[in-house]
């Protein structure tokens, strides 16, 4: 482990990194609590200044990571194993997939599966007429884009790097280990500490943002089921309850607490999906999901490199920049969590699992929930647009209400409230565990006392961001938190390539046997004499 203290209040932790992290986050908490409005103004002003840069920088970075991960999964290193050459995966495939999806995008996809298609349906820069059938098709494509392969490329890259250096190179499971080929011995010094601090900074604000969105949505659900109107007081109470349960869960460890909760989430999600398919406009949903998925894949390359250069509006910064910043800020947390449960898998298994399976699940989920909302707006009584315009957090429950299922609809809304709560708890306890693992110098079992402390810190920060102005402030905070960590991601690419150079699966350097020439030129015309190769020589070459 990196600089683990052996005694005192920071026993088992990297004292210097932990102390600086506490001061840094504590300052943000105090500033946000006493200067709430000023915090919102500062975040919005800084976001406005950096948006023109981020509109192409984040796009280029995420596009590269997607292509890079595909190459790692199918290229010459595809058989490299995250562990020993003959090591077997620690978890079954089902447990593995359910854990990485629950911690990865469970909360976010519940919030945006209806809200984003409806918002893009009203207006987006790629269609002239909003609220038309063409606008509905584009709304689905754009939602798939922000929740599909590109985002999971970010998560999968950070996770693969962490798992490779931890299980293949036997280094501590923390972000700085990915830079060991570059930093060398300085990995153990202040530069390594700085890398881990940037990871903690991004993770803390990334989790707080997601918790804030989830709490707002849970409040909307409680309103739909029990008539508890939306209020900041109720949201703060929900935050306190969620973080208390999450902290108790994380103390039990990954194999018991997080795994069981993740699997429960997964089965409950499947039940909700089946319900939406059977009780919604079934034929339309199946057709729309298939058509939208094909449209997404057909336009993936163009969307990946879209920078909004010729369109004078804020769409790129409000949507793509926000989502890429959110995925980047979450990547240390989700990446480390995925790494913890991915030991023993090959690069090919890892990339295919982490990149493709959650994307397919996401496409189905958005297709059913977003498709149901669009159907009611195009062919039904509507009302969902108005609900989203009034409060974006109500989108999911407004869709269930539009299905007009009576007492059954109320029951479904109650199940969705439970699902949101369990996903919030899963994300919060996994995030708490990851933050402490980083601060403990890579120890996968950090001290229990510090897990409890950071659970409380996350709850307080979420409360401060909610008080500071809701959705806009949450978006600005996560975009700013992601920017410094994006530099670490670039360095991790270099570190991984340097480390892979020594893998025995790498192709050997070849030797040129003849001068370069155009393939259509005869050897005689090129002045090259063909030399026959004997069977013995041919055998040696092979």
Protein backbone atom coordinates (compact mmCIF):
# COMPACT_ATOMS: atom_id res chain seq x y z
CA UNK A 1 0.00 0.00 0.00
CA UNK A 2 1.05 3.60 -0.50
CA UNK A 3 2.15 5.27 2.75
CA UNK A 4 -0.36 3.56 5.08
CA UNK A 5 -0.12 4.92 8.61
CA UNK A 6 0.48 2.26 11.28
CA UNK A 7 -0.88 4.24 14.24
CA UNK A 8 -2.92 7.27 15.22
CA UNK A 9 -6.31 8.51 13.91
CA UNK A 10 -5.24 7.79 10.32
CA UNK A 11 -4.17 4.22 10.97
CA UNK A 12 -4.62 2.17 7.82
CA UNK A 13 -4.94 5.32 5.67
CA UNK A 14 -2.50 7.48 3.74
CA UNK A 15 -2.40 10.25 6.33
CA UNK A 16 -1.25 13.07 4.03
CA UNK A 17 -3.75 12.38 1.26
CA UNK A 18 -6.61 11.80 3.70
CA UNK A 19 -5.92 15.01 5.62
CA UNK A 20 -5.72 17.13 2.45
CA UNK A 21 -8.91 15.51 1.10
CA UNK A 22 -10.76 16.24 4.35
CA UNK A 23 -9.61 19.88 4.31
CA UNK A 24 -10.49 20.27 0.63
CA UNK A 25 -13.97 18.77 0.87
CA UNK A 26 -14.57 20.40 4.26
CA UNK A 27 -13.81 23.82 2.79
CA UNK A 28 -16.30 23.14 -0.01
CA UNK A 29 -18.91 22.13 2.57
CA UNK A 30 -18.42 25.25 4.72
CA UNK A 31 -18.36 27.54 1.70
CA UNK A 32 -21.48 25.94 0.26
CA UNK A 33 -23.34 25.99 3.56
CA UNK A 34 -22.71 29.68 4.35
CA UNK A 35 -22.40 31.13 0.84
CA UNK A 36 -24.89 28.97 -0.99
CA UNK A 37 -25.99 31.46 -3.65
CA UNK A 38 -22.44 32.62 -4.29
CA UNK A 39 -21.33 29.00 -4.80
CA UNK A 40 -24.00 28.52 -7.48
CA UNK A 41 -22.97 31.76 -9.21
CA UNK A 42 -19.26 30.90 -9.18
CA UNK A 43 -19.84 27.41 -10.56
CA UNK A 44 -22.06 28.73 -13.34
CA UNK A 45 -19.57 31.51 -14.25
CA UNK A 46 -16.60 29.15 -14.40
CA UNK A 47 -18.60 26.65 -16.42
CA UNK A 48 -19.45 29.38 -18.94
CA UNK A 49 -15.75 30.24 -19.34
CA UNK A 50 -14.52 26.70 -20.00
CA UNK A 51 -17.46 25.45 -22.10
CA UNK A 52 -15.98 26.48 -25.51
CA UNK A 53 -12.85 24.44 -24.69
CA UNK A 54 -14.73 21.46 -23.29
CA UNK A 55 -17.03 21.28 -26.33
CA UNK A 56 -14.17 19.83 -28.38
CA UNK A 57 -11.77 18.59 -25.68
CA UNK A 58 -14.20 16.18 -24.00
CA UNK A 59 -15.44 15.05 -27.42
CA UNK A 60 -11.95 14.21 -28.63
CA UNK A 61 -10.97 12.46 -25.39
CA UNK A 62 -14.10 10.29 -25.25
CA UNK A 63 -13.86 9.41 -28.95
CA UNK A 64 -10.27 8.25 -28.45
CA UNK A 65 -11.18 6.16 -25.40
CA UNK A 66 -13.94 4.37 -27.33
CA UNK A 67 -11.62 3.45 -30.20
CA UNK A 68 -8.82 2.54 -27.78
CA UNK A 69 -11.05 0.16 -25.79
CA UNK A 70 -12.25 -1.56 -28.96
CA UNK A 71 -8.61 -2.08 -29.97
CA UNK A 72 -7.74 -3.53 -26.54
CA UNK A 73 -10.69 -5.93 -26.78
CA UNK A 74 -9.99 -7.27 -30.26
CA UNK A 75 -6.30 -6.47 -30.86
CA UNK A 76 -3.13 -8.33 -30.01
CA UNK A 77 -3.55 -7.89 -26.24
CA UNK A 78 -7.06 -9.38 -26.11
CA UNK A 79 -5.87 -12.50 -24.25
CA UNK A 80 -4.05 -10.64 -21.49
CA UNK A 81 -5.69 -11.64 -18.21
CA UNK A 82 -6.45 -9.35 -15.28
CA UNK A 83 -4.50 -11.60 -12.93
CA UNK A 84 -2.38 -14.70 -13.36
CA UNK A 85 -2.35 -16.50 -16.72
CA UNK A 86 -4.51 -19.34 -15.39
CA UNK A 87 -6.62 -17.36 -12.93
CA UNK A 88 -10.40 -17.79 -12.99
CA UNK A 89 -12.95 -14.94 -12.53
CA UNK A 90 -13.89 -14.27 -8.92
CA UNK A 91 -17.62 -13.70 -9.57
CA UNK A 92 -20.12 -15.41 -11.85
CA UNK A 93 -21.08 -13.58 -15.04
CA UNK A 94 -24.53 -12.66 -13.71
CA UNK A 95 -23.21 -11.26 -10.40
CA UNK A 96 -20.49 -9.39 -12.29
CA UNK A 97 -22.89 -7.73 -14.73
CA UNK A 98 -25.47 -6.85 -12.08
CA UNK A 99 -22.87 -5.21 -9.83
CA UNK A 100 -21.20 -3.11 -12.52
CA UNK A 101 -24.54 -1.93 -13.93
CA UNK A 102 -26.05 -1.09 -10.54
CA UNK A 103 -23.04 0.95 -9.48
CA UNK A 104 -22.43 2.35 -12.96
CA UNK A 105 -25.58 3.98 -14.25
CA UNK A 106 -28.50 2.66 -12.22
CA UNK A 107 -29.45 5.99 -10.61
CA UNK A 108 -28.72 8.12 -13.66
CA UNK A 109 -30.65 5.99 -16.11
CA UNK A 110 -33.70 6.01 -13.82
CA UNK A 111 -33.60 9.81 -13.77
CA UNK A 112 -32.95 10.44 -17.48
CA UNK A 113 -34.65 7.49 -19.26
CA UNK A 114 -37.82 9.56 -19.66
CA UNK A 115 -36.60 13.09 -18.97
CA UNK A 116 -33.98 13.23 -21.71
CA UNK A 117 -36.08 11.83 -24.59
CA UNK A 118 -38.93 14.22 -23.67
CA UNK A 119 -36.59 17.24 -23.45
CA UNK A 120 -34.85 16.36 -26.73
CA UNK A 121 -38.25 15.67 -28.31
CA UNK A 122 -39.25 19.28 -27.68
CA UNK A 123 -36.11 20.80 -29.15
CA UNK A 124 -32.72 19.70 -30.44
CA UNK A 125 -30.37 21.25 -33.02
CA UNK A 126 -30.66 18.34 -35.48
CA UNK A 127 -34.33 18.72 -36.39
CA UNK A 128 -36.28 21.75 -37.56
CA UNK A 129 -39.66 20.90 -36.02
CA UNK A 130 -39.88 19.81 -32.42
CA UNK A 131 -42.53 17.42 -31.10
CA UNK A 132 -42.78 15.63 -34.45
CA UNK A 133 -42.23 11.94 -35.32
CA UNK A 134 -38.79 12.86 -36.66
CA UNK A 135 -37.99 14.70 -33.42
CA UNK A 136 -39.00 11.58 -31.46
CA UNK A 137 -36.59 9.42 -33.47
CA UNK A 138 -33.75 11.89 -32.96
CA UNK A 139 -34.55 12.20 -29.26
CA UNK A 140 -34.08 8.46 -28.82
CA UNK A 141 -30.85 8.47 -30.84
CA UNK A 142 -29.36 11.30 -28.75
CA UNK A 143 -30.37 9.65 -25.48
CA UNK A 144 -28.76 6.37 -26.54
CA UNK A 145 -25.66 8.31 -27.51
CA UNK A 146 -25.22 9.90 -24.09
CA UNK A 147 -25.87 6.60 -22.26
CA UNK A 148 -24.27 4.10 -24.62
CA UNK A 149 -20.87 2.95 -25.80
CA UNK A 150 -19.03 6.27 -25.39
CA UNK A 151 -19.80 6.62 -21.71
CA UNK A 152 -19.06 2.99 -20.94
CA UNK A 153 -15.75 3.37 -22.78
CA UNK A 154 -14.71 5.85 -20.07
CA UNK A 155 -15.74 3.53 -17.25
CA UNK A 156 -14.23 0.45 -18.85
CA UNK A 157 -10.89 2.14 -19.57
CA UNK A 158 -10.32 3.35 -16.01
CA UNK A 159 -11.50 0.00 -14.64
CA UNK A 160 -9.23 -1.99 -16.94
CA UNK A 161 -6.16 0.09 -16.03
CA UNK A 162 -6.82 -0.25 -12.30
CA UNK A 163 -7.46 -4.01 -12.55
CA UNK A 164 -4.42 -4.60 -14.79
CA UNK A 165 -1.91 -2.93 -12.50
CA UNK A 166 -3.51 -4.35 -9.34
CA UNK A 167 -3.93 -7.97 -10.41
CA UNK A 168 -1.36 -8.36 -13.18
CA UNK A 169 1.42 -6.16 -11.78
CA UNK A 170 0.57 -6.65 -8.08
CA UNK A 171 0.39 -2.92 -7.32
CA UNK A 172 -2.09 -1.36 -4.87
CA UNK A 173 -5.62 -0.92 -6.21
CA UNK A 174 -5.61 2.84 -6.63
CA UNK A 175 -5.42 5.37 -9.43
CA UNK A 176 -1.76 6.29 -9.03
CA UNK A 177 -0.72 2.71 -9.82
CA UNK A 178 -1.78 3.29 -13.42
CA UNK A 179 0.95 5.92 -13.74
CA UNK A 180 3.73 3.76 -12.30
CA UNK A 181 5.37 3.17 -15.74
CA UNK A 182 5.60 6.97 -16.12
CA UNK A 183 6.31 8.17 -12.57
CA UNK A 184 8.42 5.24 -11.35
CA UNK A 185 9.42 5.71 -7.72
CA UNK A 186 7.65 9.08 -7.66
CA UNK A 187 4.40 7.10 -7.61
CA UNK A 188 5.04 6.72 -3.86
CA UNK A 189 5.68 10.46 -3.38
CA UNK A 190 3.81 13.74 -3.73
CA UNK A 191 3.03 13.28 -7.43
CA UNK A 192 1.28 10.02 -6.64
CA UNK A 193 -0.59 11.73 -3.81
CA UNK A 194 -1.74 14.45 -6.21
CA UNK A 195 -3.10 11.88 -8.67
CA UNK A 196 -5.12 10.17 -5.93
CA UNK A 197 -6.40 13.51 -4.67
CA UNK A 198 -7.70 14.42 -8.13
CA UNK A 199 -9.42 11.05 -8.27
CA UNK A 200 -11.03 11.59 -4.85
CA UNK A 201 -12.09 15.12 -5.83
CA UNK A 202 -13.83 13.93 -9.00
CA UNK A 203 -15.38 10.94 -7.26
CA UNK A 204 -16.82 12.92 -4.35
CA UNK A 205 -18.55 15.46 -6.57
CA UNK A 206 -19.60 12.83 -9.10
CA UNK A 207 -21.33 10.77 -6.43
CA UNK A 208 -22.87 13.84 -4.77
CA UNK A 209 -24.30 14.93 -8.14
CA UNK A 210 -25.87 11.55 -8.80
CA UNK A 211 -27.23 11.30 -5.27
CA UNK A 212 -28.73 14.76 -5.66
CA UNK A 213 -30.53 13.80 -8.86
CA UNK A 214 -31.74 10.54 -7.34
CA UNK A 215 -33.02 12.22 -4.18
CA UNK A 216 -35.00 14.75 -6.25
CA UNK A 217 -36.55 11.91 -8.24
CA UNK A 218 -37.33 9.89 -5.12
CA UNK A 219 -39.09 12.96 -3.70
CA UNK A 220 -41.20 13.08 -6.90
CA UNK A 221 -42.04 9.40 -6.42
CA UNK A 222 -43.12 9.90 -2.83
CA UNK A 223 -45.36 12.70 -4.07
CA UNK A 224 -46.93 10.39 -6.68
CA UNK A 225 -47.50 7.54 -4.21
CA UNK A 226 -48.14 9.24 -0.87
CA UNK A 227 -48.84 12.84 -1.81
CA UNK A 228 -45.69 14.18 -0.14
CA UNK A 229 -45.07 17.36 -2.13
CA UNK A 230 -41.58 18.22 -3.31
CA UNK A 231 -39.56 20.25 -0.82
CA UNK A 232 -35.93 20.78 0.05
CA UNK A 233 -36.63 19.67 3.63
CA UNK A 234 -37.94 16.28 2.51
CA UNK A 235 -35.00 15.91 0.12
CA UNK A 236 -32.57 16.49 2.97
CA UNK A 237 -34.37 13.87 5.07
CA UNK A 238 -34.19 11.37 2.17
CA UNK A 239 -30.47 12.10 1.79
CA UNK A 240 -29.85 11.41 5.47
CA UNK A 241 -31.78 8.12 5.41
CA UNK A 242 -30.13 6.89 2.18
CA UNK A 243 -26.61 7.66 3.41
CA UNK A 244 -27.25 6.04 6.78
CA UNK A 245 -28.40 2.79 5.18
CA UNK A 246 -25.59 2.95 2.60
CA UNK A 247 -22.95 3.39 5.28
CA UNK A 248 -24.25 0.36 7.18
CA UNK A 249 -24.24 -1.64 3.96
CA UNK A 250 -20.69 -0.73 2.95
CA UNK A 251 -19.34 -1.89 6.32
CA UNK A 252 -20.42 -5.43 5.40
CA UNK A 253 -18.08 -5.52 2.38
CA UNK A 254 -18.48 -6.22 -1.31
CA UNK A 255 -19.30 -9.92 -1.32
CA UNK A 256 -22.15 -9.70 1.19
CA UNK A 257 -23.66 -6.22 1.15
CA UNK A 258 -23.01 -4.73 -2.27
CA UNK A 259 -23.35 -7.98 -4.24
CA UNK A 260 -26.69 -8.98 -2.71
CA UNK A 261 -28.12 -5.48 -3.06
CA UNK A 262 -26.93 -5.24 -6.67
CA UNK A 263 -28.53 -8.56 -7.58
CA UNK A 264 -31.78 -7.49 -5.91
CA UNK A 265 -31.70 -4.27 -7.94
CA UNK A 266 -31.14 -6.22 -11.12
CA UNK A 267 -34.08 -8.58 -10.59
CA UNK A 268 -36.36 -5.73 -9.58
CA UNK A 269 -35.30 -3.80 -12.69
CA UNK A 270 -36.12 -6.80 -14.88
CA UNK A 271 -39.58 -7.02 -13.29
CA UNK A 272 -40.23 -3.32 -14.00
CA UNK A 273 -39.01 -3.67 -17.60
CA UNK A 274 -41.29 -6.66 -18.22
CA UNK A 275 -44.21 -4.74 -16.74
CA UNK A 276 -43.61 -1.73 -19.00
CA UNK A 277 -43.37 -4.00 -22.03
CA UNK A 278 -46.61 -5.88 -21.26
CA UNK A 279 -48.77 -2.99 -20.04
CA UNK A 280 -47.39 -0.31 -22.33
CA UNK A 281 -47.87 0.03 -26.12
CA UNK A 282 -46.02 -3.26 -26.69
CA UNK A 283 -45.78 -3.35 -30.48
CA UNK A 284 -44.75 0.30 -30.67
CA UNK A 285 -42.10 -0.11 -27.97
CA UNK A 286 -40.49 -3.12 -29.64
CA UNK A 287 -40.50 -1.43 -33.04
CA UNK A 288 -39.19 1.88 -31.68
CA UNK A 289 -36.38 0.24 -29.68
CA UNK A 290 -35.17 -1.76 -32.67
CA UNK A 291 -35.39 1.21 -35.04
CA UNK A 292 -33.76 3.64 -32.60
CA UNK A 293 -30.93 1.21 -31.80
CA UNK A 294 -30.17 0.84 -35.51
CA UNK A 295 -30.35 4.61 -35.98
CA UNK A 296 -27.95 5.08 -33.05
CA UNK A 297 -25.41 2.60 -34.42
CA UNK A 298 -25.67 4.03 -37.92
CA UNK A 299 -24.92 7.58 -36.70
CA UNK A 300 -22.51 6.71 -33.88
CA UNK A 301 -19.33 7.93 -35.56
CA UNK A 302 -20.80 11.29 -36.57
CA UNK A 303 -22.27 11.91 -33.11
CA UNK A 304 -19.02 10.85 -31.42
CA UNK A 305 -17.09 13.62 -33.19
CA UNK A 306 -19.84 16.27 -33.15
CA UNK A 307 -18.60 19.53 -31.59
CA UNK A 308 -21.49 21.91 -32.41
CA UNK A 309 -19.00 24.09 -34.31
CA UNK A 310 -21.51 25.44 -36.84
CA UNK A 311 -24.56 25.69 -34.55
CA UNK A 312 -24.92 28.77 -32.36
CA UNK A 313 -26.68 27.36 -29.30
CA UNK A 314 -25.87 25.84 -25.91
CA UNK A 315 -26.97 22.28 -26.70
CA UNK A 316 -23.45 20.82 -26.74
CA UNK A 317 -22.48 22.29 -23.38
CA UNK A 318 -25.81 21.52 -21.71
CA UNK A 319 -25.91 17.90 -22.87
CA UNK A 320 -22.76 16.29 -24.29
CA UNK A 321 -20.27 18.26 -22.16
CA UNK A 322 -22.34 17.60 -19.04
CA UNK A 323 -22.67 13.87 -19.68
CA UNK A 324 -19.03 13.34 -20.65
CA UNK A 325 -18.01 15.31 -17.55
CA UNK A 326 -20.35 13.20 -15.43
CA UNK A 327 -18.95 9.92 -16.79
CA UNK A 328 -15.37 11.19 -16.27
CA UNK A 329 -16.06 12.34 -12.71
CA UNK A 330 -17.64 8.97 -11.93
CA UNK A 331 -14.88 6.97 -13.62
CA UNK A 332 -12.52 6.64 -10.59
CA UNK A 333 -15.43 5.42 -8.47
CA UNK A 334 -17.10 3.09 -10.99
CA UNK A 335 -13.74 2.10 -12.48
CA UNK A 336 -12.36 0.95 -9.17
CA UNK A 337 -15.58 -0.80 -8.24
CA UNK A 338 -15.66 -2.66 -11.57
CA UNK A 339 -11.95 -3.49 -11.17
CA UNK A 340 -12.64 -5.00 -7.74
CA UNK A 341 -15.16 -7.44 -9.19
CA UNK A 342 -13.36 -8.20 -12.50
CA UNK A 343 -10.31 -10.13 -11.38
CA UNK A 344 -9.48 -13.11 -13.58
CA UNK A 345 -11.10 -11.88 -16.80
CA UNK A 346 -9.23 -11.40 -20.07
CA UNK A 347 -9.14 -8.07 -21.89
CA UNK A 348 -11.58 -9.49 -24.45
CA UNK A 349 -14.05 -10.72 -21.80
CA UNK A 350 -13.73 -7.46 -19.91
CA UNK A 351 -14.26 -5.16 -22.89
CA UNK A 352 -17.14 -7.19 -24.30
CA UNK A 353 -18.79 -7.38 -20.89
CA UNK A 354 -18.31 -3.82 -19.65
CA UNK A 355 -18.73 -2.10 -23.01
CA UNK A 356 -21.51 -4.10 -24.66
CA UNK A 357 -23.77 -5.70 -22.02
CA UNK A 358 -24.63 -2.51 -20.05
CA UNK A 359 -25.14 -0.66 -23.35
CA UNK A 360 -27.66 -3.27 -24.52
CA UNK A 361 -29.46 -3.14 -21.16
CA UNK A 362 -29.51 0.66 -21.35
CA UNK A 363 -30.94 0.62 -24.89
CA UNK A 364 -33.77 -1.67 -23.79
CA UNK A 365 -34.48 0.38 -20.65
CA UNK A 366 -34.58 3.74 -22.45
CA UNK A 367 -36.51 2.22 -25.34
CA UNK A 368 -39.29 1.05 -23.02
CA UNK A 369 -39.51 4.00 -20.64
CA UNK A 370 -38.65 6.80 -23.05
CA UNK A 371 -40.67 5.13 -25.80
CA UNK A 372 -43.76 4.92 -23.57
CA UNK A 373 -43.52 8.64 -22.81
CA UNK A 374 -43.10 9.56 -26.49
CA UNK A 375 -46.04 7.33 -27.46
CA UNK A 376 -48.37 9.15 -25.07
CA UNK A 377 -47.18 12.51 -26.38
CA UNK A 378 -47.54 11.54 -30.06
CA UNK A 379 -50.68 9.40 -29.93
CA UNK A 380 -52.17 9.78 -26.44
CA UNK A 381 -53.40 12.49 -24.10
CA UNK A 382 -49.89 13.80 -23.38
CA UNK A 383 -49.15 15.75 -20.22
CA UNK A 384 -45.64 14.39 -19.73
CA UNK A 385 -44.00 17.38 -21.43
CA UNK A 386 -45.75 19.76 -19.06
CA UNK A 387 -44.69 17.67 -16.05
CA UNK A 388 -41.05 17.64 -17.20
CA UNK A 389 -41.08 21.39 -17.87
CA UNK A 390 -42.42 21.99 -14.36
CA UNK A 391 -40.01 19.57 -12.63
CA UNK A 392 -37.67 17.29 -14.56
CA UNK A 393 -37.49 14.87 -11.61
CA UNK A 394 -41.17 13.94 -12.09
CA UNK A 395 -40.66 12.53 -15.63
CA UNK A 396 -40.65 8.85 -14.71
CA UNK A 397 -43.75 9.02 -12.50
CA UNK A 398 -45.63 11.24 -14.95
CA UNK A 399 -45.14 8.50 -17.55
CA UNK A 400 -46.57 5.84 -15.23
CA UNK A 401 -49.51 8.13 -14.48
CA UNK A 402 -50.13 8.65 -18.22
CA UNK A 403 -50.57 4.87 -18.62
CA UNK A 404 -53.80 5.27 -16.58
CA UNK A 405 -53.56 1.95 -14.73
CA UNK A 406 -55.35 3.04 -11.57
CA UNK A 407 -54.25 1.29 -8.38
CA UNK A 408 -51.80 -0.82 -10.40
CA UNK A 409 -50.04 2.36 -11.52
CA UNK A 410 -49.71 3.50 -7.91
CA UNK A 411 -48.19 0.13 -7.07
CA UNK A 412 -45.70 0.44 -9.93
CA UNK A 413 -44.74 3.92 -8.75
CA UNK A 414 -44.14 2.50 -5.27
CA UNK A 415 -41.89 -0.20 -6.72
CA UNK A 416 -39.98 2.47 -8.65
CA UNK A 417 -39.46 4.44 -5.43
CA UNK A 418 -37.98 1.31 -3.85
CA UNK A 419 -35.82 0.75 -6.93
CA UNK A 420 -34.50 4.32 -6.84
CA UNK A 421 -33.73 3.93 -3.13
CA UNK A 422 -31.84 0.67 -3.63
CA UNK A 423 -29.87 2.09 -6.56
CA UNK A 424 -29.01 5.16 -4.48
CA UNK A 425 -27.84 2.96 -1.63
CA UNK A 426 -25.78 0.80 -4.00
CA UNK A 427 -24.10 3.81 -5.58
CA UNK A 428 -23.49 5.50 -2.24
CA UNK A 429 -21.96 2.50 -0.49
CA UNK A 430 -19.83 1.55 -3.49
CA UNK A 431 -18.65 5.16 -3.77
CA UNK A 432 -17.83 5.35 -0.07
CA UNK A 433 -15.81 2.15 -0.31
CA UNK A 434 -13.90 3.41 -3.37
CA UNK A 435 -13.05 6.78 -1.82
CA UNK A 436 -11.65 5.05 1.25
CA UNK A 437 -9.73 2.53 -0.87
CA UNK A 438 -7.98 5.42 -2.65
CA UNK A 439 -7.29 7.23 0.62
CA UNK A 440 -5.99 3.99 2.18
CA UNK A 441 -3.28 3.79 -0.48
CA UNK A 442 -5.04 1.03 -2.39
CA UNK A 443 -6.13 -1.17 0.51
CA UNK A 444 -9.35 -2.94 -0.64
CA UNK A 445 -10.49 -3.23 2.99
CA UNK A 446 -10.06 0.27 4.46
CA UNK A 447 -10.79 0.97 8.15
CA UNK A 448 -14.47 0.90 9.06
CA UNK A 449 -14.36 4.17 10.95
CA UNK A 450 -13.23 6.12 7.89
CA UNK A 451 -15.95 4.50 5.77
CA UNK A 452 -18.52 5.88 8.20
CA UNK A 453 -16.92 9.34 8.18
CA UNK A 454 -16.90 9.58 4.39
CA UNK A 455 -20.47 8.30 4.19
CA UNK A 456 -21.45 11.28 6.33
CA UNK A 457 -19.32 13.65 4.22
CA UNK A 458 -21.02 12.51 1.00
CA UNK A 459 -24.43 13.04 2.58
CA UNK A 460 -23.52 16.56 3.71
CA UNK A 461 -22.07 17.52 0.32
CA UNK A 462 -25.18 16.25 -1.45
CA UNK A 463 -27.30 18.37 0.88
CA UNK A 464 -25.19 21.47 0.22
CA UNK A 465 -25.44 21.06 -3.56
CA UNK A 466 -29.21 20.60 -3.30
CA UNK A 467 -29.45 23.78 -1.23
CA UNK A 468 -27.25 25.63 -3.72
CA UNK A 469 -29.74 25.37 -6.55
CA UNK A 470 -30.61 21.88 -7.68
CA UNK A 471 -29.99 20.53 -11.17
CA UNK A 472 -27.97 23.40 -12.69
CA UNK A 473 -25.57 23.56 -9.76
CA UNK A 474 -25.17 19.78 -9.74
CA UNK A 475 -24.31 19.79 -13.44
CA UNK A 476 -21.77 22.61 -13.11
CA UNK A 477 -20.10 20.97 -10.11
CA UNK A 478 -19.57 17.64 -11.85
CA UNK A 479 -18.22 19.22 -15.05
CA UNK A 480 -15.64 21.20 -13.08
CA UNK A 481 -14.66 18.19 -10.97
CA UNK A 482 -14.06 16.07 -14.06
CA UNK A 483 -11.70 18.47 -15.84
CA UNK A 484 -8.54 17.93 -13.74
CA UNK A 485 -9.08 14.17 -13.66
CA UNK A 486 -9.29 14.07 -17.46
CA UNK A 487 -5.56 14.88 -17.51
CA UNK A 488 -4.92 11.84 -15.30
CA UNK A 489 -6.92 9.71 -17.76
CA UNK A 490 -4.63 10.78 -20.61
CA UNK A 491 -1.56 9.88 -18.57
CA UNK A 492 -3.13 6.51 -17.74
CA UNK A 493 -3.33 5.75 -21.48
CA UNK A 494 0.42 6.33 -21.78
CA UNK A 495 1.15 4.28 -18.66
CA UNK A 496 -0.93 1.32 -19.88
CA UNK A 497 0.72 1.31 -23.31
CA UNK A 498 4.18 1.32 -21.73
CA UNK A 499 3.24 -1.55 -19.44
CA UNK A 500 1.68 -3.63 -22.24
CA UNK A 501 4.88 -3.37 -24.26
CA UNK A 502 6.37 -6.09 -22.06
CA UNK A 503 3.42 -8.51 -22.28
CA UNK A 504 4.28 -11.87 -23.84
CA UNK A 505 1.09 -11.67 -25.88
CA UNK A 506 2.54 -8.76 -27.84
CA UNK A 507 3.55 -9.37 -31.44
CA UNK A 508 7.31 -9.70 -31.92
CA UNK A 509 9.19 -7.12 -33.94
CA UNK A 510 9.54 -8.40 -37.49
CA UNK A 511 12.57 -8.23 -39.78
CA UNK A 512 12.25 -6.85 -43.31
CA UNK A 513 13.22 -9.46 -45.90
CA UNK A 514 13.01 -7.34 -49.04
CA UNK A 515 12.99 -3.70 -50.08
CA UNK A 516 9.61 -1.90 -50.05
CA UNK A 517 7.88 -1.72 -53.44
CA UNK A 518 4.47 -1.18 -54.97
CA UNK A 519 2.50 -4.46 -55.08
CA UNK A 520 1.79 -4.17 -58.82
CA UNK A 521 5.50 -3.94 -59.79
CA UNK A 522 7.25 -7.18 -60.80
CA UNK A 523 10.38 -8.18 -58.90
CA UNK A 524 12.46 -8.09 -62.07
CA UNK A 525 11.27 -4.58 -62.95
CA UNK A 526 12.12 -3.43 -59.44
CA UNK A 527 15.64 -4.82 -59.77
CA UNK A 528 15.02 -7.43 -57.04
CA UNK A 529 16.08 -10.99 -57.55
CA UNK A 530 13.65 -13.50 -56.06
CA UNK A 531 15.56 -15.87 -53.82
CA UNK A 532 13.94 -19.28 -53.27
CA UNK A 533 13.52 -20.25 -49.65
CA UNK A 534 14.48 -23.78 -48.65
CA UNK A 535 12.12 -25.92 -46.56
CA UNK A 536 14.53 -25.72 -43.61
CA UNK A 537 14.60 -21.91 -43.79
CA UNK A 538 10.83 -21.77 -44.14
CA UNK A 539 10.50 -23.93 -41.02
CA UNK A 540 12.81 -21.59 -39.11
CA UNK A 541 10.76 -18.55 -40.12
CA UNK A 542 7.61 -20.22 -38.84
